Amino acid sequence: MTIKDLEYKAASIRQQVLEMVVSANKGHIGGAFSCADILVALYYGGILRYRVDDPKWESRDRFIMSKGHSGIALYAILADLGFFSASVLGTFGKNETILGGHPDRNIPGIEADTGSLGHGLGIAAGMALAAKLDKKDYLTVVLLGDGECYEGSIWEAALFAGHHRLNNLIVIVDRNCQCATDFTESCSGQEPFADKWQSFNWDVKEVNGHSFEELRDAFSTVMRNDPTKPLAIVAHTIKGKGVSFMERIIEWHHSIPKGEQLATAREEIGKGH
């Protein structure tokens, strides 16, 4: 896809997320919007290797959505690609749906149950080490939230991955500088954030998480070169990206737009679609 195609696709995914959240009257819209471009880059930008008709294909790249509360954006992508019917999206958050608030392995295309924050990197590091032991060439990619990086288990796994030089492992941190109830630098400052990863023996790249050019360039470190360390991509993003009244506003971690707000959100997202 061209950059324009990717931008159009990202707007389409945000539009689908908005309608799912409104229909279910629940969902973490702010974080889903902040990571939508990252997910689109992974699945439509020629980065992840997968087969829609064979979700358990042995040579597939493994993707772990560790910030599982934003899984609604991944659901929209998996349905769009054909892992399951788009009609299932309308059941999100409702009785007897397969699409709960957090991803699980009952959903085609999902590698691990996530959403209990802090677990995804440990799972991903295990997968990456297994690939090396089995002499397999698949990548393992994990998306973390920056608020999630308050969990000690993240840094235990980072230490493990750096020690074992898991150069087939990529972490992307959705660095929107917000957690559920505050800004990260107000509740417990994380800076210098990139330096922390580097000190754990990781290669680090900082990018604009809404720039498809920068995201593609960052992934080339692993895809086209011969790295000796795991890669951490610190993707600077905006929580609520794409809707002016949601951007960087704490309450939009999981609020639901209604009335005039909903009309405005539809209009603003539609401008990119």
Protein backbone atom coordinates (compact mmCIF):
# COMPACT_ATOMS: atom_id res chain seq x y z
CA MET A 1 0.00 0.00 0.00
CA THR A 2 1.04 3.59 -0.59
CA ILE A 3 1.26 6.03 2.31
CA LYS A 4 -2.06 7.54 1.20
CA ASP A 5 -3.62 4.08 1.16
CA LEU A 6 -2.38 3.43 4.69
CA GLU A 7 -3.73 6.78 5.92
CA TYR A 8 -7.09 6.00 4.35
CA LYS A 9 -7.11 2.55 5.94
CA ALA A 10 -6.28 3.98 9.37
CA ALA A 11 -9.20 6.40 9.13
CA SER A 12 -11.45 3.50 8.14
CA ILE A 13 -10.29 1.48 11.18
CA ARG A 14 -10.93 4.44 13.52
CA GLN A 15 -14.38 4.83 11.99
CA GLN A 16 -15.14 1.16 12.64
CA VAL A 17 -13.85 1.39 16.22
CA LEU A 18 -16.06 4.41 16.87
CA GLU A 19 -19.18 2.58 15.71
CA MET A 20 -18.32 -0.55 17.72
CA VAL A 21 -17.79 1.44 20.91
CA VAL A 22 -21.03 3.35 20.44
CA SER A 23 -23.01 0.18 19.68
CA ALA A 24 -21.64 -1.65 22.73
CA ASN A 25 -21.67 1.46 24.96
CA LYS A 26 -18.23 0.41 26.18
CA GLY A 27 -14.64 0.27 25.01
CA HIS A 28 -11.29 2.02 25.38
CA ILE A 29 -11.47 4.42 22.48
CA GLY A 30 -8.58 6.76 23.32
CA GLY A 31 -5.86 4.12 23.33
CA ALA A 32 -7.37 2.35 20.31
CA PHE A 33 -7.10 5.59 18.35
CA SER A 34 -3.51 6.24 19.49
CA CYS A 35 -2.27 2.86 18.25
CA ALA A 36 -4.43 2.53 15.10
CA ASP A 37 -1.68 3.78 12.77
CA ILE A 38 0.86 1.41 14.34
CA LEU A 39 -1.44 -1.56 13.79
CA VAL A 40 -2.23 -0.52 10.22
CA ALA A 41 1.51 -0.22 9.48
CA LEU A 42 2.07 -3.74 10.84
CA TYR A 43 -0.76 -5.48 9.02
CA TYR A 44 -1.03 -3.51 5.75
CA GLY A 45 2.47 -2.05 5.40
CA GLY A 46 4.34 -5.21 4.47
CA ILE A 47 5.81 -5.75 7.94
CA LEU A 48 4.07 -8.75 9.49
CA ARG A 49 4.05 -12.09 7.66
CA TYR A 50 0.73 -13.91 8.02
CA ARG A 51 -1.84 -15.98 6.13
CA VAL A 52 -5.50 -15.14 6.58
CA ASP A 53 -6.57 -18.59 5.41
CA ASP A 54 -4.11 -20.30 7.77
CA PRO A 55 -3.91 -18.32 11.05
CA LYS A 56 -1.66 -20.98 12.66
CA TRP A 57 0.78 -21.11 9.73
CA GLU A 58 4.06 -22.21 11.32
CA SER A 59 6.19 -19.55 9.62
CA ARG A 60 3.93 -16.62 10.49
CA ASP A 61 5.25 -13.66 12.45
CA ARG A 62 3.79 -13.55 15.95
CA PHE A 63 2.07 -10.36 17.13
CA ILE A 64 1.11 -9.84 20.78
CA MET A 65 -1.33 -7.04 21.63
CA SER A 66 -0.10 -6.61 25.20
CA LYS A 67 -2.13 -3.42 25.77
CA GLY A 68 -5.20 -5.57 25.35
CA HIS A 69 -7.71 -2.91 26.43
CA SER A 70 -7.10 -1.35 22.98
CA GLY A 71 -7.78 -4.66 21.23
CA ILE A 72 -10.90 -3.26 19.59
CA ALA A 73 -8.65 -1.65 16.96
CA LEU A 74 -7.03 -5.02 16.26
CA TYR A 75 -10.47 -6.65 15.97
CA ALA A 76 -11.42 -4.17 13.25
CA ILE A 77 -8.24 -4.97 11.33
CA LEU A 78 -8.55 -8.75 11.64
CA ALA A 79 -12.14 -8.58 10.36
CA ASP A 80 -11.16 -6.29 7.50
CA LEU A 81 -8.44 -8.73 6.47
CA GLY A 82 -10.85 -11.68 6.60
CA PHE A 83 -9.71 -13.59 9.70
CA PHE A 84 -13.41 -13.61 10.64
CA SER A 85 -16.59 -12.07 9.25
CA ALA A 86 -17.01 -8.30 9.55
CA SER A 87 -20.53 -8.99 10.81
CA VAL A 88 -19.00 -10.23 14.08
CA LEU A 89 -17.80 -6.70 14.86
CA GLY A 90 -21.38 -5.71 15.61
CA THR A 91 -21.42 -8.17 18.52
CA PHE A 92 -18.45 -6.56 20.32
CA GLY A 93 -19.00 -6.42 24.06
CA LYS A 94 -22.38 -8.17 23.90
CA ASN A 95 -23.60 -11.50 25.27
CA GLU A 96 -22.11 -14.62 23.66
CA THR A 97 -19.68 -12.65 21.46
CA ILE A 98 -16.15 -13.83 20.78
CA LEU A 99 -15.04 -10.18 20.91
CA GLY A 100 -14.64 -9.29 24.55
CA GLY A 101 -13.02 -6.24 26.08
CA HIS A 102 -9.60 -7.89 25.85
CA PRO A 103 -8.22 -10.22 23.15
CA ASP A 104 -8.09 -13.97 23.67
CA ARG A 105 -7.11 -17.00 21.62
CA ASN A 106 -10.70 -17.89 20.74
CA ILE A 107 -10.49 -15.08 18.18
CA PRO A 108 -8.85 -16.04 14.86
CA GLY A 109 -5.57 -14.16 14.45
CA ILE A 110 -4.99 -13.61 18.19
CA GLU A 111 -1.81 -15.20 19.57
CA ALA A 112 -2.25 -14.72 23.32
CA ASP A 113 -4.79 -13.73 25.98
CA THR A 114 -3.84 -10.20 27.04
CA GLY A 115 -5.13 -7.17 28.87
CA SER A 116 -3.87 -8.02 32.32
CA LEU A 117 -1.08 -5.53 31.79
CA GLY A 118 2.58 -6.47 31.96
CA HIS A 119 2.39 -10.00 30.56
CA GLY A 120 2.77 -9.54 26.81
CA LEU A 121 6.50 -8.90 26.66
CA GLY A 122 7.28 -12.01 28.71
CA ILE A 123 5.16 -14.12 26.35
CA ALA A 124 6.79 -12.51 23.31
CA ALA A 125 10.31 -13.02 24.67
CA GLY A 126 9.54 -16.70 25.17
CA MET A 127 8.28 -16.99 21.61
CA ALA A 128 11.38 -15.24 20.28
CA LEU A 129 13.72 -17.49 22.24
CA ALA A 130 11.78 -20.57 21.05
CA ALA A 131 12.22 -19.43 17.44
CA LYS A 132 15.98 -19.21 17.94
CA LEU A 133 16.18 -22.62 19.61
CA ASP A 134 14.10 -24.15 16.82
CA LYS A 135 16.06 -22.27 14.12
CA LYS A 136 12.90 -20.57 12.83
CA ASP A 137 13.02 -17.18 11.10
CA TYR A 138 9.74 -15.63 12.23
CA LEU A 139 9.63 -12.29 14.05
CA THR A 140 7.81 -11.71 17.31
CA VAL A 141 6.33 -8.23 17.72
CA VAL A 142 4.63 -6.91 20.86
CA LEU A 143 2.71 -3.66 21.37
CA LEU A 144 2.94 -2.16 24.86
CA GLY A 145 1.30 0.87 26.38
CA ASP A 146 3.56 3.34 28.15
CA GLY A 147 1.32 3.17 31.22
CA GLU A 148 1.79 -0.59 31.08
CA CYS A 149 5.52 0.00 31.45
CA TYR A 150 4.98 0.77 35.13
CA GLU A 151 4.72 -3.01 35.57
CA GLY A 152 7.92 -4.60 36.87
CA SER A 153 7.31 -7.68 34.73
CA ILE A 154 7.96 -5.55 31.62
CA TRP A 155 11.48 -4.77 32.79
CA GLU A 156 12.15 -8.35 33.90
CA ALA A 157 11.29 -9.51 30.38
CA ALA A 158 13.30 -6.66 28.83
CA LEU A 159 16.35 -7.71 30.87
CA PHE A 160 15.87 -11.34 29.75
CA ALA A 161 15.52 -10.38 26.07
CA GLY A 162 18.55 -8.10 26.14
CA HIS A 163 20.67 -10.75 27.84
CA HIS A 164 19.73 -13.38 25.25
CA ARG A 165 20.17 -10.90 22.39
CA LEU A 166 16.77 -11.70 20.92
CA ASN A 167 17.29 -9.86 17.66
CA ASN A 168 14.08 -11.43 16.32
CA LEU A 169 11.99 -9.51 18.87
CA ILE A 170 10.46 -6.05 18.41
CA VAL A 171 8.72 -4.03 21.08
CA ILE A 172 6.58 -1.06 20.07
CA VAL A 173 5.60 1.25 22.90
CA ASP A 174 2.50 3.36 22.29
CA ARG A 175 4.01 6.43 23.97
CA ASN A 176 0.92 8.64 24.29
CA CYS A 177 2.09 9.83 27.73
CA GLN A 178 -1.25 8.99 29.36
CA CYS A 179 -2.57 6.17 31.49
CA ALA A 180 -6.11 5.56 32.73
CA THR A 181 -6.30 8.45 35.19
CA ASP A 182 -3.38 10.82 34.58
CA PHE A 183 -0.46 11.86 32.40
CA THR A 184 2.54 9.56 32.84
CA GLU A 185 4.96 12.37 33.60
CA SER A 186 2.64 13.65 36.34
CA CYS A 187 1.91 10.41 38.18
CA SER A 188 5.38 8.80 37.95
CA GLY A 189 7.76 10.24 35.37
CA GLN A 190 9.21 7.80 32.84
CA GLU A 191 11.78 9.97 31.12
CA PRO A 192 14.42 9.40 29.90
CA PHE A 193 12.24 6.60 28.54
CA ALA A 194 14.26 5.55 25.47
CA ASP A 195 17.48 5.50 27.51
CA LYS A 196 15.95 2.95 29.89
CA TRP A 197 15.44 0.47 27.04
CA GLN A 198 18.92 1.11 25.72
CA SER A 199 20.41 0.43 29.16
CA PHE A 200 18.73 -3.00 29.07
CA ASN A 201 20.80 -3.84 25.95
CA TRP A 202 18.17 -3.00 23.34
CA ASP A 203 18.48 -1.08 20.10
CA VAL A 204 16.07 1.86 20.31
CA LYS A 205 14.36 4.03 17.73
CA GLU A 206 12.04 6.93 18.48
CA VAL A 207 9.41 7.72 15.85
CA ASN A 208 6.23 9.65 15.25
CA GLY A 209 3.70 6.86 15.77
CA HIS A 210 1.31 8.51 13.31
CA SER A 211 3.89 8.65 10.49
CA PHE A 212 3.85 5.61 8.23
CA GLU A 213 7.17 6.66 6.71
CA GLU A 214 8.89 6.69 10.13
CA LEU A 215 7.26 3.45 11.24
CA ARG A 216 8.39 1.63 8.09
CA ASP A 217 11.92 2.98 8.46
CA ALA A 218 12.12 1.84 12.09
CA PHE A 219 11.10 -1.73 11.25
CA SER A 220 13.79 -1.92 8.56
CA THR A 221 16.38 -2.27 11.35
CA VAL A 222 15.25 -5.86 11.84
CA MET A 223 13.78 -6.62 8.45
CA ARG A 224 16.63 -5.53 6.18
CA ASN A 225 19.72 -5.44 8.37
CA ASP A 226 21.38 -7.94 10.68
CA PRO A 227 20.82 -6.62 14.21
CA THR A 228 22.44 -8.14 17.28
CA LYS A 229 19.90 -6.92 19.84
CA PRO A 230 16.13 -6.76 20.30
CA LEU A 231 14.55 -3.57 19.00
CA ALA A 232 12.38 -1.16 20.97
CA ILE A 233 10.43 1.36 18.91
CA VAL A 234 9.20 4.22 21.06
CA ALA A 235 6.25 5.50 19.01
CA HIS A 236 5.19 8.98 20.13
CA THR A 237 1.43 9.17 19.71
CA ILE A 238 -1.63 11.16 20.69
CA LYS A 239 -4.31 9.47 22.76
CA GLY A 240 -7.66 9.94 21.01
CA LYS A 241 -5.89 10.75 17.72
CA GLY A 242 -8.25 11.83 14.96
CA VAL A 243 -10.99 13.45 17.05
CA SER A 244 -10.19 16.95 18.29
CA PHE A 245 -12.14 16.87 21.56
CA MET A 246 -10.63 13.49 22.53
CA GLU A 247 -6.98 14.22 21.86
CA ARG A 248 -4.86 14.23 25.04
CA ILE A 249 -7.96 14.40 27.27
CA ILE A 250 -7.83 11.97 30.19
CA GLU A 251 -11.56 11.17 30.27
CA TRP A 252 -11.37 9.64 26.78
CA HIS A 253 -9.49 6.62 28.05
CA HIS A 254 -12.89 4.90 27.95
CA SER A 255 -15.70 7.45 27.62
CA ILE A 256 -18.39 7.02 24.94
CA PRO A 257 -19.30 9.90 22.58
CA LYS A 258 -23.00 10.72 22.25
CA GLY A 259 -25.17 13.35 20.61
CA GLU A 260 -23.21 16.28 19.17
CA GLN A 261 -19.93 14.69 20.22
CA LEU A 262 -20.70 11.59 18.20
CA ALA A 263 -21.65 13.65 15.16
CA THR A 264 -18.40 15.61 15.44
CA ALA A 265 -16.33 12.45 15.83
CA ARG A 266 -17.91 10.89 12.76
CA GLU A 267 -17.31 14.03 10.73
CA GLU A 268 -13.68 14.47 11.76
CA ILE A 269 -12.73 10.84 11.23
CA GLY A 270 -14.60 10.84 7.94
CA LYS A 271 -12.38 13.63 6.61
CA GLY A 272 -9.51 11.18 6.49
CA HIS A 273 -11.58 8.40 4.96
